[in-house]
Amino acid sequence: MKIKERRRDGIAILDISGNLMGGPDADAFNEVLRTLMHEGVRNFIVNLEKVRWVNSTGLGILISGYTTVKRAGGELKLLKITKRIENIFIVSKLSTVFHAFEDENEALRSFA
């Protein structure tokens, strides 16, 4: 997994690519969140467009990130979930927890 961070309107957008599988991925994701939150960022968009696969540990990474951000008074939303990964979210009922968007500008506006 690779994470590329960028910002728009004070919101951190994390472009993730590869597989979201746990282990070192969890450490990397959590470190990025902690660093950005330490810098004052509270709102995040996680772009999953280039993620090929998410296993149960990968889902745990997203849930942990969501919880961490929420406790700090922020929001974590998802962007461009592939059909394959969307099915995992539906079966696991996580589609009721995460707000997901197809359009980046729409996701950004949802923080207003």
C-alpha atoms as a PDB file:
ATOM      1  CA  MET A   1       0.000   0.000   0.000  1.00  0.00           C
ATOM      2  CA  LYS A   2       1.131   3.509  -0.798  1.00  0.00           C
ATOM      3  CA  ILE A   3      -0.311   6.726   0.632  1.00  0.00           C
ATOM      4  CA  LYS A   4      -0.032  10.080  -1.107  1.00  0.00           C
ATOM      5  CA  GLU A   5      -1.225  13.039   0.934  1.00  0.00           C
ATOM      6  CA  ARG A   6      -2.519  16.299  -0.446  1.00  0.00           C
ATOM      7  CA  ARG A   7      -4.724  19.070   0.908  1.00  0.00           C
ATOM      8  CA  ARG A   8      -7.620  21.084  -0.389  1.00  0.00           C
ATOM      9  CA  ASP A   9      -9.458  23.714   1.635  1.00  0.00           C
ATOM     10  CA  GLY A  10      -7.807  22.506   4.860  1.00  0.00           C
ATOM     11  CA  ILE A  11      -8.970  18.933   4.274  1.00  0.00           C
ATOM     12  CA  ALA A  12      -6.396  16.155   3.922  1.00  0.00           C
ATOM     13  CA  ILE A  13      -6.974  13.852   0.981  1.00  0.00           C
ATOM     14  CA  LEU A  14      -5.187  10.521   1.284  1.00  0.00           C
ATOM     15  CA  ASP A  15      -4.809   8.809  -2.076  1.00  0.00           C
ATOM     16  CA  ILE A  16      -4.220   5.130  -1.331  1.00  0.00           C
ATOM     17  CA  SER A  17      -3.018   2.634  -3.915  1.00  0.00           C
ATOM     18  CA  GLY A  18      -2.292  -1.080  -3.863  1.00  0.00           C
ATOM     19  CA  ASN A  19      -3.794  -3.506  -1.364  1.00  0.00           C
ATOM     20  CA  LEU A  20      -5.033  -2.528   2.090  1.00  0.00           C
ATOM     21  CA  MET A  21      -4.059  -5.600   4.084  1.00  0.00           C
ATOM     22  CA  GLY A  22      -2.888  -4.695   7.592  1.00  0.00           C
ATOM     23  CA  GLY A  23       0.491  -5.176   9.243  1.00  0.00           C
ATOM     24  CA  PRO A  24       2.797  -2.393   8.090  1.00  0.00           C
ATOM     25  CA  ASP A  25      -0.158  -0.809   6.261  1.00  0.00           C
ATOM     26  CA  ALA A  26      -1.878  -0.164   9.608  1.00  0.00           C
ATOM     27  CA  ASP A  27       1.218   1.499  11.028  1.00  0.00           C
ATOM     28  CA  ALA A  28       1.700   3.661   7.932  1.00  0.00           C
ATOM     29  CA  PHE A  29      -1.943   4.773   7.798  1.00  0.00           C
ATOM     30  CA  ASN A  30      -2.113   5.546  11.510  1.00  0.00           C
ATOM     31  CA  GLU A  31       1.166   7.454  11.386  1.00  0.00           C
ATOM     32  CA  VAL A  32      -0.101   9.649   8.544  1.00  0.00           C
ATOM     33  CA  LEU A  33      -3.310  10.386  10.468  1.00  0.00           C
ATOM     34  CA  ARG A  34      -1.450  11.149  13.708  1.00  0.00           C
ATOM     35  CA  THR A  35       1.024  13.447  11.952  1.00  0.00           C
ATOM     36  CA  LEU A  36      -1.693  15.391  10.153  1.00  0.00           C
ATOM     37  CA  MET A  37      -3.845  15.653  13.276  1.00  0.00           C
ATOM     38  CA  HIS A  38      -0.822  16.947  15.197  1.00  0.00           C
ATOM     39  CA  GLU A  39      -0.575  19.648  12.492  1.00  0.00           C
ATOM     40  CA  GLY A  40      -4.209  20.584  13.177  1.00  0.00           C
ATOM     41  CA  VAL A  41      -5.969  18.720  10.373  1.00  0.00           C
ATOM     42  CA  ARG A  42      -9.290  17.277  11.543  1.00  0.00           C
ATOM     43  CA  ASN A  43     -11.081  16.334   8.327  1.00  0.00           C
ATOM     44  CA  PHE A  44      -9.974  13.584   5.964  1.00  0.00           C
ATOM     45  CA  ILE A  45     -10.997  12.064   2.667  1.00  0.00           C
ATOM     46  CA  VAL A  46      -9.581   8.610   1.947  1.00  0.00           C
ATOM     47  CA  ASN A  47      -9.495   8.023  -1.805  1.00  0.00           C
ATOM     48  CA  LEU A  48      -9.785   4.277  -2.491  1.00  0.00           C
ATOM     49  CA  GLU A  49      -9.928   4.553  -6.287  1.00  0.00           C
ATOM     50  CA  LYS A  50      -6.589   2.756  -6.783  1.00  0.00           C
ATOM     51  CA  VAL A  51      -7.010   0.182  -4.017  1.00  0.00           C
ATOM     52  CA  ARG A  52      -7.247  -3.257  -5.597  1.00  0.00           C
ATOM     53  CA  TRP A  53      -8.204  -5.253  -2.509  1.00  0.00           C
ATOM     54  CA  VAL A  54      -9.175  -4.812   1.144  1.00  0.00           C
ATOM     55  CA  ASN A  55      -9.158  -7.731   3.577  1.00  0.00           C
ATOM     56  CA  SER A  56     -10.705  -7.789   7.058  1.00  0.00           C
ATOM     57  CA  THR A  57      -7.556  -6.309   8.600  1.00  0.00           C
ATOM     58  CA  GLY A  58      -7.671  -3.541   5.998  1.00  0.00           C
ATOM     59  CA  LEU A  59     -11.257  -2.797   7.009  1.00  0.00           C
ATOM     60  CA  GLY A  60     -10.008  -2.634  10.600  1.00  0.00           C
ATOM     61  CA  ILE A  61      -7.464   0.000   9.556  1.00  0.00           C
ATOM     62  CA  LEU A  62     -10.226   2.178   8.112  1.00  0.00           C
ATOM     63  CA  ILE A  63     -12.452   1.667  11.167  1.00  0.00           C
ATOM     64  CA  SER A  64      -9.594   2.535  13.515  1.00  0.00           C
ATOM     65  CA  GLY A  65      -8.811   5.661  11.496  1.00  0.00           C
ATOM     66  CA  TYR A  66     -12.467   6.665  11.486  1.00  0.00           C
ATOM     67  CA  THR A  67     -12.664   6.250  15.269  1.00  0.00           C
ATOM     68  CA  THR A  68      -9.427   8.144  15.897  1.00  0.00           C
ATOM     69  CA  VAL A  69     -10.518  11.094  13.760  1.00  0.00           C
ATOM     70  CA  LYS A  70     -14.043  11.123  15.224  1.00  0.00           C
ATOM     71  CA  ARG A  71     -12.693  11.199  18.802  1.00  0.00           C
ATOM     72  CA  ALA A  72     -10.559  14.218  17.858  1.00  0.00           C
ATOM     73  CA  GLY A  73     -13.663  16.056  16.643  1.00  0.00           C
ATOM     74  CA  GLY A  74     -13.112  15.474  12.938  1.00  0.00           C
ATOM     75  CA  GLU A  75     -14.579  13.445  10.125  1.00  0.00           C
ATOM     76  CA  LEU A  76     -13.194  10.765   7.833  1.00  0.00           C
ATOM     77  CA  LYS A  77     -15.024  10.128   4.569  1.00  0.00           C
ATOM     78  CA  LEU A  78     -14.331   7.806   1.668  1.00  0.00           C
ATOM     79  CA  LEU A  79     -13.956   8.588  -2.005  1.00  0.00           C
ATOM     80  CA  LYS A  80     -14.261   6.463  -5.158  1.00  0.00           C
ATOM     81  CA  ILE A  81     -14.832   3.013  -3.714  1.00  0.00           C
ATOM     82  CA  THR A  82     -14.577   0.344  -6.414  1.00  0.00           C
ATOM     83  CA  LYS A  83     -17.540  -2.000  -6.952  1.00  0.00           C
ATOM     84  CA  ARG A  84     -15.521  -4.927  -5.603  1.00  0.00           C
ATOM     85  CA  ILE A  85     -14.701  -3.097  -2.371  1.00  0.00           C
ATOM     86  CA  GLU A  86     -18.188  -1.593  -2.155  1.00  0.00           C
ATOM     87  CA  ASN A  87     -19.606  -5.127  -1.964  1.00  0.00           C
ATOM     88  CA  ILE A  88     -17.361  -5.825   1.037  1.00  0.00           C
ATOM     89  CA  PHE A  89     -18.642  -2.649   2.714  1.00  0.00           C
ATOM     90  CA  ILE A  90     -22.264  -3.664   2.069  1.00  0.00           C
ATOM     91  CA  VAL A  91     -21.834  -7.223   3.383  1.00  0.00           C
ATOM     92  CA  SER A  92     -19.969  -6.008   6.472  1.00  0.00           C
ATOM     93  CA  LYS A  93     -22.569  -3.233   7.033  1.00  0.00           C
ATOM     94  CA  LEU A  94     -19.768  -0.648   7.008  1.00  0.00           C
ATOM     95  CA  SER A  95     -21.663   1.183   4.276  1.00  0.00           C
ATOM     96  CA  THR A  96     -23.900   2.441   7.111  1.00  0.00           C
ATOM     97  CA  VAL A  97     -20.893   3.850   9.021  1.00  0.00           C
ATOM     98  CA  PHE A  98     -18.806   5.546   6.351  1.00  0.00           C
ATOM     99  CA  HIS A  99     -19.960   8.391   4.126  1.00  0.00           C
ATOM    100  CA  ALA A 100     -18.713   7.628   0.619  1.00  0.00           C
ATOM    101  CA  PHE A 101     -18.595   9.842  -2.441  1.00  0.00           C
ATOM    102  CA  GLU A 102     -17.890   9.372  -6.141  1.00  0.00           C
ATOM    103  CA  ASP A 103     -16.898  12.992  -6.771  1.00  0.00           C
ATOM    104  CA  GLU A 104     -14.036  14.713  -4.922  1.00  0.00           C
ATOM    105  CA  ASN A 105     -15.642  18.155  -5.038  1.00  0.00           C
ATOM    106  CA  GLU A 106     -18.865  16.750  -3.610  1.00  0.00           C
ATOM    107  CA  ALA A 107     -16.890  15.090  -0.808  1.00  0.00           C
ATOM    108  CA  LEU A 108     -15.133  18.386  -0.048  1.00  0.00           C
ATOM    109  CA  ARG A 109     -18.435  20.286   0.026  1.00  0.00           C
ATOM    110  CA  SER A 110     -19.873  17.745   2.486  1.00  0.00           C
ATOM    111  CA  PHE A 111     -17.594  19.146   5.221  1.00  0.00           C
ATOM    112  CA  ALA A 112     -19.188  22.610   5.049  1.00  0.00           C
END
